[in-house]
C-alpha atoms as a PDB file:
ATOM      1  CA  MET A   1     -49.483 -85.525 146.666  1.00  0.00           C
ATOM      2  CA  GLN A   2     -50.307 -88.491 144.490  1.00  0.00           C
ATOM      3  CA  ILE A   3     -53.258 -88.307 142.127  1.00  0.00           C
ATOM      4  CA  PRO A   4     -54.277 -91.414 140.207  1.00  0.00           C
ATOM      5  CA  ILE A   5     -54.601 -90.839 136.476  1.00  0.00           C
ATOM      6  CA  LEU A   6     -55.878 -92.888 133.581  1.00  0.00           C
ATOM      7  CA  ILE A   7     -53.862 -92.903 130.353  1.00  0.00           C
ATOM      8  CA  GLN A   8     -55.454 -94.363 127.252  1.00  0.00           C
ATOM      9  CA  LYS A   9     -54.969 -94.395 123.544  1.00  0.00           C
ATOM     10  CA  LEU A  10     -57.532 -92.299 121.697  1.00  0.00           C
ATOM     11  CA  PRO A  11     -60.148 -94.318 119.792  1.00  0.00           C
ATOM     12  CA  ASP A  12     -58.945 -92.946 116.459  1.00  0.00           C
ATOM     13  CA  GLY A  13     -55.381 -94.044 117.292  1.00  0.00           C
ATOM     14  CA  GLN A  14     -54.141 -90.477 116.853  1.00  0.00           C
ATOM     15  CA  GLY A  15     -52.752 -89.848 120.314  1.00  0.00           C
ATOM     16  CA  PHE A  16     -53.362 -90.324 124.000  1.00  0.00           C
ATOM     17  CA  GLU A  17     -55.584 -88.942 126.695  1.00  0.00           C
ATOM     18  CA  ALA A  18     -54.521 -88.622 130.322  1.00  0.00           C
ATOM     19  CA  ARG A  19     -57.180 -87.779 132.879  1.00  0.00           C
ATOM     20  CA  THR A  20     -57.897 -87.560 136.550  1.00  0.00           C
ATOM     21  CA  GLY A  21     -61.018 -88.615 138.340  1.00  0.00           C
ATOM     22  CA  GLY A  22     -62.990 -86.435 140.691  1.00  0.00           C
ATOM     23  CA  PRO A  23     -62.807 -84.045 142.301  1.00  0.00           C
ATOM     24  CA  LEU A  24     -60.453 -82.513 139.729  1.00  0.00           C
ATOM     25  CA  GLY A  25     -61.968 -84.068 136.625  1.00  0.00           C
ATOM     26  CA  LEU A  26     -59.228 -82.807 134.287  1.00  0.00           C
ATOM     27  CA  SER A  27     -57.963 -84.320 131.036  1.00  0.00           C
ATOM     28  CA  ALA A  28     -55.308 -83.615 128.437  1.00  0.00           C
ATOM     29  CA  ARG A  29     -54.817 -84.996 124.924  1.00  0.00           C
ATOM     30  CA  ALA A  30     -51.572 -85.139 123.000  1.00  0.00           C
ATOM     31  CA  PRO A  31     -49.974 -87.156 120.179  1.00  0.00           C
ATOM     32  CA  GLU A  32     -47.491 -88.746 122.618  1.00  0.00           C
ATOM     33  CA  LYS A  33     -48.313 -90.455 125.919  1.00  0.00           C
ATOM     34  CA  GLY A  34     -45.618 -88.578 127.862  1.00  0.00           C
ATOM     35  CA  GLN A  35     -46.809 -85.243 126.521  1.00  0.00           C
ATOM     36  CA  ALA A  36     -50.405 -85.977 127.560  1.00  0.00           C
ATOM     37  CA  VAL A  37     -49.201 -86.751 131.090  1.00  0.00           C
ATOM     38  CA  ARG A  38     -47.058 -83.596 131.226  1.00  0.00           C
ATOM     39  CA  ASP A  39     -49.946 -81.477 129.942  1.00  0.00           C
ATOM     40  CA  LEU A  40     -52.254 -83.015 132.545  1.00  0.00           C
ATOM     41  CA  GLU A  41     -49.705 -82.297 135.264  1.00  0.00           C
ATOM     42  CA  GLY A  42     -49.691 -78.659 134.179  1.00  0.00           C
ATOM     43  CA  LEU A  43     -53.483 -78.520 134.379  1.00  0.00           C
ATOM     44  CA  VAL A  44     -53.479 -80.094 137.852  1.00  0.00           C
ATOM     45  CA  ARG A  45     -50.801 -77.689 139.106  1.00  0.00           C
ATOM     46  CA  ALA A  46     -52.722 -74.716 137.731  1.00  0.00           C
ATOM     47  CA  ARG A  47     -55.962 -75.919 139.303  1.00  0.00           C
ATOM     48  CA  LEU A  48     -54.373 -76.469 142.715  1.00  0.00           C
ATOM     49  CA  ALA A  49     -52.668 -73.053 142.523  1.00  0.00           C
ATOM     50  CA  ALA A  50     -56.002 -71.351 141.811  1.00  0.00           C
ATOM     51  CA  ASP A  51     -56.934 -70.919 145.491  1.00  0.00           C
ATOM     52  CA  VAL A  52     -58.532 -74.336 145.866  1.00  0.00           C
ATOM     53  CA  GLU A  53     -57.931 -76.817 148.625  1.00  0.00           C
ATOM     54  CA  TYR A  54     -57.749 -80.566 148.215  1.00  0.00           C
ATOM     55  CA  ALA A  55     -59.005 -82.437 151.292  1.00  0.00           C
ATOM     56  CA  VAL A  56     -60.764 -85.618 152.351  1.00  0.00           C
ATOM     57  CA  LEU A  57     -64.115 -85.543 154.123  1.00  0.00           C
ATOM     58  CA  THR A  58     -64.832 -88.436 156.475  1.00  0.00           C
ATOM     59  CA  ILE A  59     -68.414 -88.977 157.578  1.00  0.00           C
ATOM     60  CA  PRO A  60     -68.904 -91.572 160.313  1.00  0.00           C
ATOM     61  CA  ASP A  61     -71.466 -94.262 159.661  1.00  0.00           C
ATOM     62  CA  ALA A  62     -74.746 -93.425 161.392  1.00  0.00           C
ATOM     63  CA  ARG A  63     -75.177 -97.087 162.315  1.00  0.00           C
ATOM     64  CA  PRO A  64     -71.711 -98.533 162.903  1.00  0.00           C
ATOM     65  CA  LEU A  65     -71.944-102.299 163.186  1.00  0.00           C
ATOM     66  CA  ILE A  66     -68.297-103.315 163.272  1.00  0.00           C
ATOM     67  CA  PRO A  67     -67.601-102.014 166.818  1.00  0.00           C
ATOM     68  CA  VAL A  68     -70.629-103.966 168.065  1.00  0.00           C
ATOM     69  CA  PHE A  69     -69.396-107.336 166.822  1.00  0.00           C
ATOM     70  CA  GLY A  70     -67.603-109.271 169.525  1.00  0.00           C
ATOM     71  CA  THR A  71     -68.976-107.238 172.404  1.00  0.00           C
ATOM     72  CA  LEU A  72     -71.502-108.538 174.896  1.00  0.00           C
ATOM     73  CA  ASP A  73     -73.022-106.727 177.849  1.00  0.00           C
ATOM     74  CA  PRO A  74     -72.211-108.896 180.884  1.00  0.00           C
ATOM     75  CA  ALA A  75     -75.173-107.358 182.741  1.00  0.00           C
ATOM     76  CA  ASP A  76     -77.646-108.529 180.079  1.00  0.00           C
ATOM     77  CA  PRO A  77     -79.687-111.468 181.477  1.00  0.00           C
ATOM     78  CA  ALA A  78     -79.602-113.212 178.102  1.00  0.00           C
ATOM     79  CA  VAL A  79     -75.795-112.998 178.063  1.00  0.00           C
ATOM     80  CA  GLN A  80     -75.615-114.313 181.628  1.00  0.00           C
ATOM     81  CA  GLU A  81     -77.854-117.258 180.726  1.00  0.00           C
ATOM     82  CA  TRP A  82     -75.819-117.982 177.608  1.00  0.00           C
ATOM     83  CA  LYS A  83     -72.557-117.962 179.592  1.00  0.00           C
ATOM     84  CA  GLU A  84     -74.040-120.301 182.205  1.00  0.00           C
ATOM     85  CA  ASN A  85     -75.183-122.687 179.463  1.00  0.00           C
ATOM     86  CA  VAL A  86     -71.725-122.647 177.865  1.00  0.00           C
ATOM     87  CA  GLU A  87     -70.066-123.350 181.215  1.00  0.00           C
ATOM     88  CA  GLU A  88     -72.480-126.209 181.924  1.00  0.00           C
ATOM     89  CA  TYR A  89     -71.857-127.715 178.491  1.00  0.00           C
ATOM     90  CA  ARG A  90     -68.100-127.536 179.054  1.00  0.00           C
ATOM     91  CA  ARG A  91     -68.401-129.205 182.474  1.00  0.00           C
ATOM     92  CA  ALA A  92     -70.566-131.965 181.036  1.00  0.00           C
ATOM     93  CA  SER A  93     -68.180-132.452 178.103  1.00  0.00           C
ATOM     94  CA  ASP A  94     -65.172-132.649 180.399  1.00  0.00           C
ATOM     95  CA  GLU A  95     -66.894-135.305 182.527  1.00  0.00           C
ATOM     96  CA  ARG A  96     -67.616-137.578 179.565  1.00  0.00           C
ATOM     97  CA  ALA A  97     -65.065-140.267 178.831  1.00  0.00           C
ATOM     98  CA  ASP A  98     -65.993-140.722 175.176  1.00  0.00           C
ATOM     99  CA  TYR A  99     -62.935-139.148 173.557  1.00  0.00           C
ATOM    100  CA  PRO A 100     -61.775-142.004 171.288  1.00  0.00           C
ATOM    101  CA  TRP A 101     -59.174-139.818 169.532  1.00  0.00           C
ATOM    102  CA  LEU A 102     -57.258-139.459 172.817  1.00  0.00           C
ATOM    103  CA  ASP A 103     -56.455-143.185 172.784  1.00  0.00           C
ATOM    104  CA  ALA A 104     -55.875-143.416 169.033  1.00  0.00           C
ATOM    105  CA  GLY A 105     -52.157-142.666 169.408  1.00  0.00           C
ATOM    106  CA  ASP A 106     -52.153-140.743 166.122  1.00  0.00           C
ATOM    107  CA  GLY A 107     -51.686-137.302 167.671  1.00  0.00           C
ATOM    108  CA  ARG A 108     -55.183-136.009 166.957  1.00  0.00           C
END
């Protein structure tokens, strides 16, 4: 298990504090940085050994938008009309002979 910790020098310059975020919310202070980390590790081990369980709760979004993007209902009349318009535009574009970049010879 990896638990992110923050290690910082105490404001008075007389040592270090190492602490975890939630849900543990533990901290340890010591004159040396390494000792603060070791003390914090001891606190974390004791807390996890005290009949607690560390888990992650995932709650699905009540209004998920991401799965909707990029999906169209082919039976929807508006979608059918849109597709027909796109196809007509493509046909009309293909029939036009005004593609000057095709004759430019510059590879565009």
